Amino acid sequence: MKRPTIADSLAAYHAALDATWPGDAAADDVRLVVLDCETTGFDPRRHRIVSIGAVGIAHGEIDLGDTFEVLLRVHFNTEATLVHGITRDQARAGLEESEAIARLLDYLGDGVLVGHHLGHDLAMLNAALARHGGGELRNRYIDTGDLTLLLQADGAFDGQPPLAELSLDALCAHFEIDPHGRHTASGDAFLTALVCLRLLRLARRHGRRTLAALTERPVDSGPD
């Protein structure tokens, strides 16, 4: 069986995005892809992705038939991989970065990405793509941290205990979600999907029913 290459996968990926979801698409109709990356550190120039996990949401439900999980080969900084429950042998036996990213492109298509504080994941994925001549991901995305801020401004959390912070752990606690599988890519993706479903319900109640309304960026209330 031929291994996917980034060049081949990019062609199909860009073709899918040519007819991607418009901003006025009903949120419940959009294929959401909840994604998480575990990495050896936070600098996209020096550190590498250890594992990628993703799960789809369709029609307001998690689709367990729409999942993605891949372990990447890591030759250095193996101590960091142990935090994610991955042994050194597993990390060394994973896929090469180019093949893992090609498979991810095939899986994503025009799905709208969802993640918690997604900027780090996107930076790491874009750095990996760039190393293999692939440019950057072009999918629209929803950051559950940003969506929480938007819903707070909408009054969606009025009358509830205040959120002390916007971490994934804090949102799991707020929505009474058991944080099982935390700090693994697939586990964090699934937990983020559960949080996302709670936020989508609140969004519907407060008039955010389109993709554009969910991908809006919150107003920065901090200093310039």
C-alpha atoms as a PDB file:
ATOM      1  CA  MET A   1       0.000   0.000   0.000  1.00  0.00           C
ATOM      2  CA  LYS A   2       1.410   3.365  -1.036  1.00  0.00           C
ATOM      3  CA  ARG A   3       2.150   5.719   1.825  1.00  0.00           C
ATOM      4  CA  PRO A   4       0.452   9.110   1.501  1.00  0.00           C
ATOM      5  CA  THR A   5       2.716  12.032   0.663  1.00  0.00           C
ATOM      6  CA  ILE A   6       2.155  15.655   1.561  1.00  0.00           C
ATOM      7  CA  ALA A   7       2.217  16.640  -2.128  1.00  0.00           C
ATOM      8  CA  ASP A   8      -0.584  14.207  -2.985  1.00  0.00           C
ATOM      9  CA  SER A   9      -2.593  15.023   0.129  1.00  0.00           C
ATOM     10  CA  LEU A  10      -2.300  18.790  -0.365  1.00  0.00           C
ATOM     11  CA  ALA A  11      -3.989  18.608  -3.770  1.00  0.00           C
ATOM     12  CA  ALA A  12      -7.078  16.887  -2.352  1.00  0.00           C
ATOM     13  CA  TYR A  13      -7.008  19.090   0.758  1.00  0.00           C
ATOM     14  CA  HIS A  14      -6.976  22.338  -1.238  1.00  0.00           C
ATOM     15  CA  ALA A  15      -9.710  21.027  -3.547  1.00  0.00           C
ATOM     16  CA  ALA A  16     -11.940  20.358  -0.519  1.00  0.00           C
ATOM     17  CA  LEU A  17     -11.326  23.863   0.816  1.00  0.00           C
ATOM     18  CA  ASP A  18     -12.296  25.469  -2.505  1.00  0.00           C
ATOM     19  CA  ALA A  19     -15.927  24.761  -1.594  1.00  0.00           C
ATOM     20  CA  THR A  20     -15.693  25.003   2.173  1.00  0.00           C
ATOM     21  CA  TRP A  21     -18.429  26.021   4.591  1.00  0.00           C
ATOM     22  CA  PRO A  22     -19.714  29.606   4.185  1.00  0.00           C
ATOM     23  CA  GLY A  23     -20.020  31.870   7.200  1.00  0.00           C
ATOM     24  CA  ASP A  24     -23.821  31.720   7.125  1.00  0.00           C
ATOM     25  CA  ALA A  25     -23.865  27.906   7.261  1.00  0.00           C
ATOM     26  CA  ALA A  26     -25.962  26.569  10.116  1.00  0.00           C
ATOM     27  CA  ALA A  27     -23.601  25.480  12.881  1.00  0.00           C
ATOM     28  CA  ASP A  28     -25.407  22.153  13.285  1.00  0.00           C
ATOM     29  CA  ASP A  29     -24.739  21.293   9.620  1.00  0.00           C
ATOM     30  CA  VAL A  30     -20.993  21.877   9.727  1.00  0.00           C
ATOM     31  CA  ARG A  31     -18.500  19.059  10.225  1.00  0.00           C
ATOM     32  CA  LEU A  32     -16.389  20.075  13.206  1.00  0.00           C
ATOM     33  CA  VAL A  33     -13.037  18.382  13.838  1.00  0.00           C
ATOM     34  CA  VAL A  34     -11.895  18.656  17.443  1.00  0.00           C
ATOM     35  CA  LEU A  35      -8.122  18.397  17.446  1.00  0.00           C
ATOM     36  CA  ASP A  36      -5.283  18.209  19.950  1.00  0.00           C
ATOM     37  CA  CYS A  37      -1.516  17.839  19.601  1.00  0.00           C
ATOM     38  CA  GLU A  38       0.887  16.702  22.278  1.00  0.00           C
ATOM     39  CA  THR A  39       4.363  18.130  21.766  1.00  0.00           C
ATOM     40  CA  THR A  40       7.893  18.035  23.171  1.00  0.00           C
ATOM     41  CA  GLY A  41       7.669  21.747  24.017  1.00  0.00           C
ATOM     42  CA  PHE A  42       6.131  25.071  23.046  1.00  0.00           C
ATOM     43  CA  ASP A  43       8.537  26.474  20.442  1.00  0.00           C
ATOM     44  CA  PRO A  44       7.426  25.454  16.915  1.00  0.00           C
ATOM     45  CA  ARG A  45      10.936  26.105  15.592  1.00  0.00           C
ATOM     46  CA  ARG A  46      12.684  23.705  17.978  1.00  0.00           C
ATOM     47  CA  HIS A  47      10.095  21.306  19.319  1.00  0.00           C
ATOM     48  CA  ARG A  48       8.136  18.586  17.598  1.00  0.00           C
ATOM     49  CA  ILE A  49       4.694  16.987  17.669  1.00  0.00           C
ATOM     50  CA  VAL A  50       4.539  13.714  19.605  1.00  0.00           C
ATOM     51  CA  SER A  51       0.954  12.722  18.815  1.00  0.00           C
ATOM     52  CA  ILE A  52      -2.206  14.048  17.161  1.00  0.00           C
ATOM     53  CA  GLY A  53      -5.738  13.101  18.138  1.00  0.00           C
ATOM     54  CA  ALA A  54      -9.035  14.256  16.647  1.00  0.00           C
ATOM     55  CA  VAL A  55     -12.735  13.442  16.745  1.00  0.00           C
ATOM     56  CA  GLY A  56     -15.590  14.750  14.630  1.00  0.00           C
ATOM     57  CA  ILE A  57     -18.798  16.454  15.699  1.00  0.00           C
ATOM     58  CA  ALA A  58     -21.786  16.312  13.364  1.00  0.00           C
ATOM     59  CA  HIS A  59     -25.379  17.434  13.927  1.00  0.00           C
ATOM     60  CA  GLY A  60     -24.676  18.304  17.550  1.00  0.00           C
ATOM     61  CA  GLU A  61     -23.189  14.917  18.474  1.00  0.00           C
ATOM     62  CA  ILE A  62     -19.735  13.392  18.750  1.00  0.00           C
ATOM     63  CA  ASP A  63     -19.193  11.003  15.840  1.00  0.00           C
ATOM     64  CA  LEU A  64     -17.114   8.091  17.132  1.00  0.00           C
ATOM     65  CA  GLY A  65     -16.854   6.837  13.554  1.00  0.00           C
ATOM     66  CA  ASP A  66     -14.965  10.013  12.632  1.00  0.00           C
ATOM     67  CA  THR A  67     -11.707   9.859  14.574  1.00  0.00           C
ATOM     68  CA  PHE A  68      -8.010  10.279  13.931  1.00  0.00           C
ATOM     69  CA  GLU A  69      -5.014   9.279  16.015  1.00  0.00           C
ATOM     70  CA  VAL A  70      -1.369   9.091  15.067  1.00  0.00           C
ATOM     71  CA  LEU A  71       1.916   8.779  16.947  1.00  0.00           C
ATOM     72  CA  LEU A  72       4.953  10.506  15.472  1.00  0.00           C
ATOM     73  CA  ARG A  73       8.538   9.349  15.604  1.00  0.00           C
ATOM     74  CA  VAL A  74      10.558  11.392  18.090  1.00  0.00           C
ATOM     75  CA  HIS A  75      14.312  10.966  18.307  1.00  0.00           C
ATOM     76  CA  PHE A  76      15.037  13.530  21.006  1.00  0.00           C
ATOM     77  CA  ASN A  77      13.610  15.131  24.153  1.00  0.00           C
ATOM     78  CA  THR A  78      12.024  11.780  24.973  1.00  0.00           C
ATOM     79  CA  GLU A  79      11.552  12.730  28.629  1.00  0.00           C
ATOM     80  CA  ALA A  80       8.742  15.078  27.554  1.00  0.00           C
ATOM     81  CA  THR A  81       6.939  12.236  25.787  1.00  0.00           C
ATOM     82  CA  LEU A  82       6.570  10.370  29.081  1.00  0.00           C
ATOM     83  CA  VAL A  83       4.256  13.136  30.338  1.00  0.00           C
ATOM     84  CA  HIS A  84       1.815  12.061  27.636  1.00  0.00           C
ATOM     85  CA  GLY A  85       1.950   8.374  28.572  1.00  0.00           C
ATOM     86  CA  ILE A  86       4.121   7.458  25.595  1.00  0.00           C
ATOM     87  CA  THR A  87       7.172   5.267  26.111  1.00  0.00           C
ATOM     88  CA  ARG A  88      10.516   5.997  24.475  1.00  0.00           C
ATOM     89  CA  ASP A  89      10.159   2.887  22.313  1.00  0.00           C
ATOM     90  CA  GLN A  90       6.709   3.983  21.147  1.00  0.00           C
ATOM     91  CA  ALA A  91       7.975   7.458  20.317  1.00  0.00           C
ATOM     92  CA  ARG A  92      10.833   6.028  18.283  1.00  0.00           C
ATOM     93  CA  ALA A  93       8.530   3.633  16.414  1.00  0.00           C
ATOM     94  CA  GLY A  94       5.969   6.240  15.338  1.00  0.00           C
ATOM     95  CA  LEU A  95       5.376   7.598  11.838  1.00  0.00           C
ATOM     96  CA  GLU A  96       7.737  10.032  10.201  1.00  0.00           C
ATOM     97  CA  GLU A  97       6.429  13.582  10.423  1.00  0.00           C
ATOM     98  CA  SER A  98       5.768  13.894   6.686  1.00  0.00           C
ATOM     99  CA  GLU A  99       3.559  10.790   6.580  1.00  0.00           C
ATOM    100  CA  ALA A 100       1.683  11.764   9.748  1.00  0.00           C
ATOM    101  CA  ILE A 101       0.904  15.237   8.381  1.00  0.00           C
ATOM    102  CA  ALA A 102      -0.165  13.794   5.020  1.00  0.00           C
ATOM    103  CA  ARG A 103      -2.606  11.483   6.795  1.00  0.00           C
ATOM    104  CA  LEU A 104      -3.920  14.389   8.836  1.00  0.00           C
ATOM    105  CA  LEU A 105      -4.591  16.434   5.680  1.00  0.00           C
ATOM    106  CA  ASP A 106      -6.513  13.494   4.204  1.00  0.00           C
ATOM    107  CA  TYR A 107      -8.587  13.288   7.369  1.00  0.00           C
ATOM    108  CA  LEU A 108      -9.279  17.005   7.834  1.00  0.00           C
ATOM    109  CA  GLY A 109     -10.609  17.949   4.426  1.00  0.00           C
ATOM    110  CA  ASP A 110     -12.696  21.095   4.848  1.00  0.00           C
ATOM    111  CA  GLY A 111     -13.651  20.326   8.451  1.00  0.00           C
ATOM    112  CA  VAL A 112     -13.831  23.311  10.781  1.00  0.00           C
ATOM    113  CA  LEU A 113     -11.153  22.849  13.424  1.00  0.00           C
ATOM    114  CA  VAL A 114     -11.995  23.076  17.116  1.00  0.00           C
ATOM    115  CA  GLY A 115      -9.483  23.183  19.935  1.00  0.00           C
ATOM    116  CA  HIS A 116      -8.824  24.682  23.320  1.00  0.00           C
ATOM    117  CA  HIS A 117      -6.250  27.474  23.032  1.00  0.00           C
ATOM    118  CA  LEU A 118      -5.785  26.166  19.511  1.00  0.00           C
ATOM    119  CA  GLY A 119      -3.047  28.625  18.581  1.00  0.00           C
ATOM    120  CA  HIS A 120      -0.279  26.351  19.877  1.00  0.00           C
ATOM    121  CA  ASP A 121      -1.577  23.339  17.950  1.00  0.00           C
ATOM    122  CA  LEU A 122      -1.908  25.359  14.733  1.00  0.00           C
ATOM    123  CA  ALA A 123       1.590  26.806  15.120  1.00  0.00           C
ATOM    124  CA  MET A 124       3.083  23.348  15.594  1.00  0.00           C
ATOM    125  CA  LEU A 125       1.145  21.863  12.660  1.00  0.00           C
ATOM    126  CA  ASN A 126       1.984  24.782  10.372  1.00  0.00           C
ATOM    127  CA  ALA A 127       5.674  24.484  11.283  1.00  0.00           C
ATOM    128  CA  ALA A 128       5.539  20.781  10.430  1.00  0.00           C
ATOM    129  CA  LEU A 129       3.822  21.529   7.117  1.00  0.00           C
ATOM    130  CA  ALA A 130       6.374  24.206   6.293  1.00  0.00           C
ATOM    131  CA  ARG A 131       9.246  21.787   6.866  1.00  0.00           C
ATOM    132  CA  HIS A 132       7.833  19.680   4.037  1.00  0.00           C
ATOM    133  CA  GLY A 133       6.872  22.493   1.652  1.00  0.00           C
ATOM    134  CA  GLY A 134       3.195  22.399   2.514  1.00  0.00           C
ATOM    135  CA  GLY A 135       2.384  25.998   3.460  1.00  0.00           C
ATOM    136  CA  GLU A 136      -0.184  26.371   6.252  1.00  0.00           C
ATOM    137  CA  LEU A 137      -3.545  24.903   7.246  1.00  0.00           C
ATOM    138  CA  ARG A 138      -6.396  26.938   5.768  1.00  0.00           C
ATOM    139  CA  ASN A 139      -9.350  25.496   7.697  1.00  0.00           C
ATOM    140  CA  ARG A 140     -11.629  27.839   9.588  1.00  0.00           C
ATOM    141  CA  TYR A 141     -11.464  27.216  13.310  1.00  0.00           C
ATOM    142  CA  ILE A 142     -13.253  27.656  16.615  1.00  0.00           C
ATOM    143  CA  ASP A 143     -11.232  28.135  19.782  1.00  0.00           C
ATOM    144  CA  THR A 144     -13.281  26.966  22.761  1.00  0.00           C
ATOM    145  CA  GLY A 145     -11.503  29.507  24.963  1.00  0.00           C
ATOM    146  CA  ASP A 146     -12.555  32.341  22.628  1.00  0.00           C
ATOM    147  CA  LEU A 147     -16.078  30.928  22.365  1.00  0.00           C
ATOM    148  CA  THR A 148     -16.328  30.869  26.155  1.00  0.00           C
ATOM    149  CA  LEU A 149     -15.380  34.559  26.270  1.00  0.00           C
ATOM    150  CA  LEU A 150     -17.986  35.384  23.622  1.00  0.00           C
ATOM    151  CA  LEU A 151     -20.664  33.528  25.557  1.00  0.00           C
ATOM    152  CA  GLN A 152     -19.666  35.237  28.784  1.00  0.00           C
ATOM    153  CA  ALA A 153     -20.182  38.575  27.029  1.00  0.00           C
ATOM    154  CA  ASP A 154     -23.558  37.291  25.798  1.00  0.00           C
ATOM    155  CA  GLY A 155     -24.573  36.579  29.413  1.00  0.00           C
ATOM    156  CA  ALA A 156     -24.642  32.812  28.897  1.00  0.00           C
ATOM    157  CA  PHE A 157     -22.992  32.179  32.259  1.00  0.00           C
ATOM    158  CA  ASP A 158     -25.018  34.684  34.283  1.00  0.00           C
ATOM    159  CA  GLY A 159     -26.346  33.151  37.487  1.00  0.00           C
ATOM    160  CA  GLN A 160     -23.757  30.363  37.428  1.00  0.00           C
ATOM    161  CA  PRO A 161     -20.591  30.029  39.531  1.00  0.00           C
ATOM    162  CA  PRO A 162     -17.933  32.254  37.922  1.00  0.00           C
ATOM    163  CA  LEU A 163     -15.184  30.639  35.885  1.00  0.00           C
ATOM    164  CA  ALA A 164     -11.917  31.165  37.742  1.00  0.00           C
ATOM    165  CA  GLU A 165      -9.940  30.590  34.548  1.00  0.00           C
ATOM    166  CA  LEU A 166     -10.360  29.408  30.978  1.00  0.00           C
ATOM    167  CA  SER A 167      -8.234  26.264  31.107  1.00  0.00           C
ATOM    168  CA  LEU A 168      -9.581  22.980  29.760  1.00  0.00           C
ATOM    169  CA  ASP A 169      -9.515  21.607  33.314  1.00  0.00           C
ATOM    170  CA  ALA A 170     -11.587  24.552  34.570  1.00  0.00           C
ATOM    171  CA  LEU A 171     -14.190  24.125  31.824  1.00  0.00           C
ATOM    172  CA  CYS A 172     -14.398  20.380  32.470  1.00  0.00           C
ATOM    173  CA  ALA A 173     -14.984  21.117  36.151  1.00  0.00           C
ATOM    174  CA  HIS A 174     -17.602  23.767  35.330  1.00  0.00           C
ATOM    175  CA  PHE A 175     -19.541  21.396  33.074  1.00  0.00           C
ATOM    176  CA  GLU A 176     -19.000  18.420  35.437  1.00  0.00           C
ATOM    177  CA  ILE A 177     -17.018  16.442  32.858  1.00  0.00           C
ATOM    178  CA  ASP A 178     -14.735  13.719  34.226  1.00  0.00           C
ATOM    179  CA  PRO A 179     -11.236  14.581  32.866  1.00  0.00           C
ATOM    180  CA  HIS A 180     -10.438  10.974  31.956  1.00  0.00           C
ATOM    181  CA  GLY A 181      -7.549  10.618  29.490  1.00  0.00           C
ATOM    182  CA  ARG A 182      -6.164  14.104  30.162  1.00  0.00           C
ATOM    183  CA  HIS A 183      -2.782  14.933  28.613  1.00  0.00           C
ATOM    184  CA  THR A 184      -3.091  12.471  25.763  1.00  0.00           C
ATOM    185  CA  ALA A 185      -3.932  13.798  22.301  1.00  0.00           C
ATOM    186  CA  SER A 186      -6.997  11.604  21.791  1.00  0.00           C
ATOM    187  CA  GLY A 187      -8.122  12.083  25.404  1.00  0.00           C
ATOM    188  CA  ASP A 188      -7.833  15.878  25.291  1.00  0.00           C
ATOM    189  CA  ALA A 189      -9.567  15.977  21.901  1.00  0.00           C
ATOM    190  CA  PHE A 190     -12.502  14.000  23.317  1.00  0.00           C
ATOM    191  CA  LEU A 191     -12.702  16.163  26.445  1.00  0.00           C
ATOM    192  CA  THR A 192     -12.605  19.303  24.308  1.00  0.00           C
ATOM    193  CA  ALA A 193     -15.389  17.829  22.167  1.00  0.00           C
ATOM    194  CA  LEU A 194     -17.537  17.342  25.271  1.00  0.00           C
ATOM    195  CA  VAL A 195     -16.852  20.938  26.341  1.00  0.00           C
ATOM    196  CA  CYS A 196     -17.616  22.106  22.810  1.00  0.00           C
ATOM    197  CA  LEU A 197     -21.028  20.420  22.846  1.00  0.00           C
ATOM    198  CA  ARG A 198     -21.918  22.255  26.086  1.00  0.00           C
ATOM    199  CA  LEU A 199     -20.782  25.550  24.581  1.00  0.00           C
ATOM    200  CA  LEU A 200     -22.720  24.936  21.363  1.00  0.00           C
ATOM    201  CA  ARG A 201     -25.906  24.426  23.354  1.00  0.00           C
ATOM    202  CA  LEU A 202     -25.339  27.725  25.149  1.00  0.00           C
ATOM    203  CA  ALA A 203     -24.539  29.373  21.818  1.00  0.00           C
ATOM    204  CA  ARG A 204     -27.838  28.249  20.303  1.00  0.00           C
ATOM    205  CA  ARG A 205     -29.753  29.655  23.284  1.00  0.00           C
ATOM    206  CA  HIS A 206     -28.051  33.007  22.800  1.00  0.00           C
ATOM    207  CA  GLY A 207     -28.557  33.321  19.054  1.00  0.00           C
ATOM    208  CA  ARG A 208     -25.184  32.058  17.827  1.00  0.00           C
ATOM    209  CA  ARG A 209     -26.435  29.589  15.249  1.00  0.00           C
ATOM    210  CA  THR A 210     -24.115  30.169  12.285  1.00  0.00           C
ATOM    211  CA  LEU A 211     -20.497  29.321  11.672  1.00  0.00           C
ATOM    212  CA  ALA A 212     -19.579  33.002  11.485  1.00  0.00           C
ATOM    213  CA  ALA A 213     -21.098  33.609  14.913  1.00  0.00           C
ATOM    214  CA  LEU A 214     -19.020  30.794  16.409  1.00  0.00           C
ATOM    215  CA  THR A 215     -15.723  31.806  14.769  1.00  0.00           C
ATOM    216  CA  GLU A 216     -16.014  35.456  15.790  1.00  0.00           C
ATOM    217  CA  ARG A 217     -13.028  36.624  17.813  1.00  0.00           C
ATOM    218  CA  PRO A 218     -13.727  38.156  21.236  1.00  0.00           C
ATOM    219  CA  VAL A 219     -12.922  41.810  21.770  1.00  0.00           C
ATOM    220  CA  ASP A 220      -9.551  42.189  23.482  1.00  0.00           C
ATOM    221  CA  SER A 221     -10.285  43.930  26.762  1.00  0.00           C
ATOM    222  CA  GLY A 222      -6.618  44.104  27.782  1.00  0.00           C
ATOM    223  CA  PRO A 223      -4.067  46.842  27.120  1.00  0.00           C
ATOM    224  CA  ASP A 224      -2.720  47.424  23.602  1.00  0.00           C
END
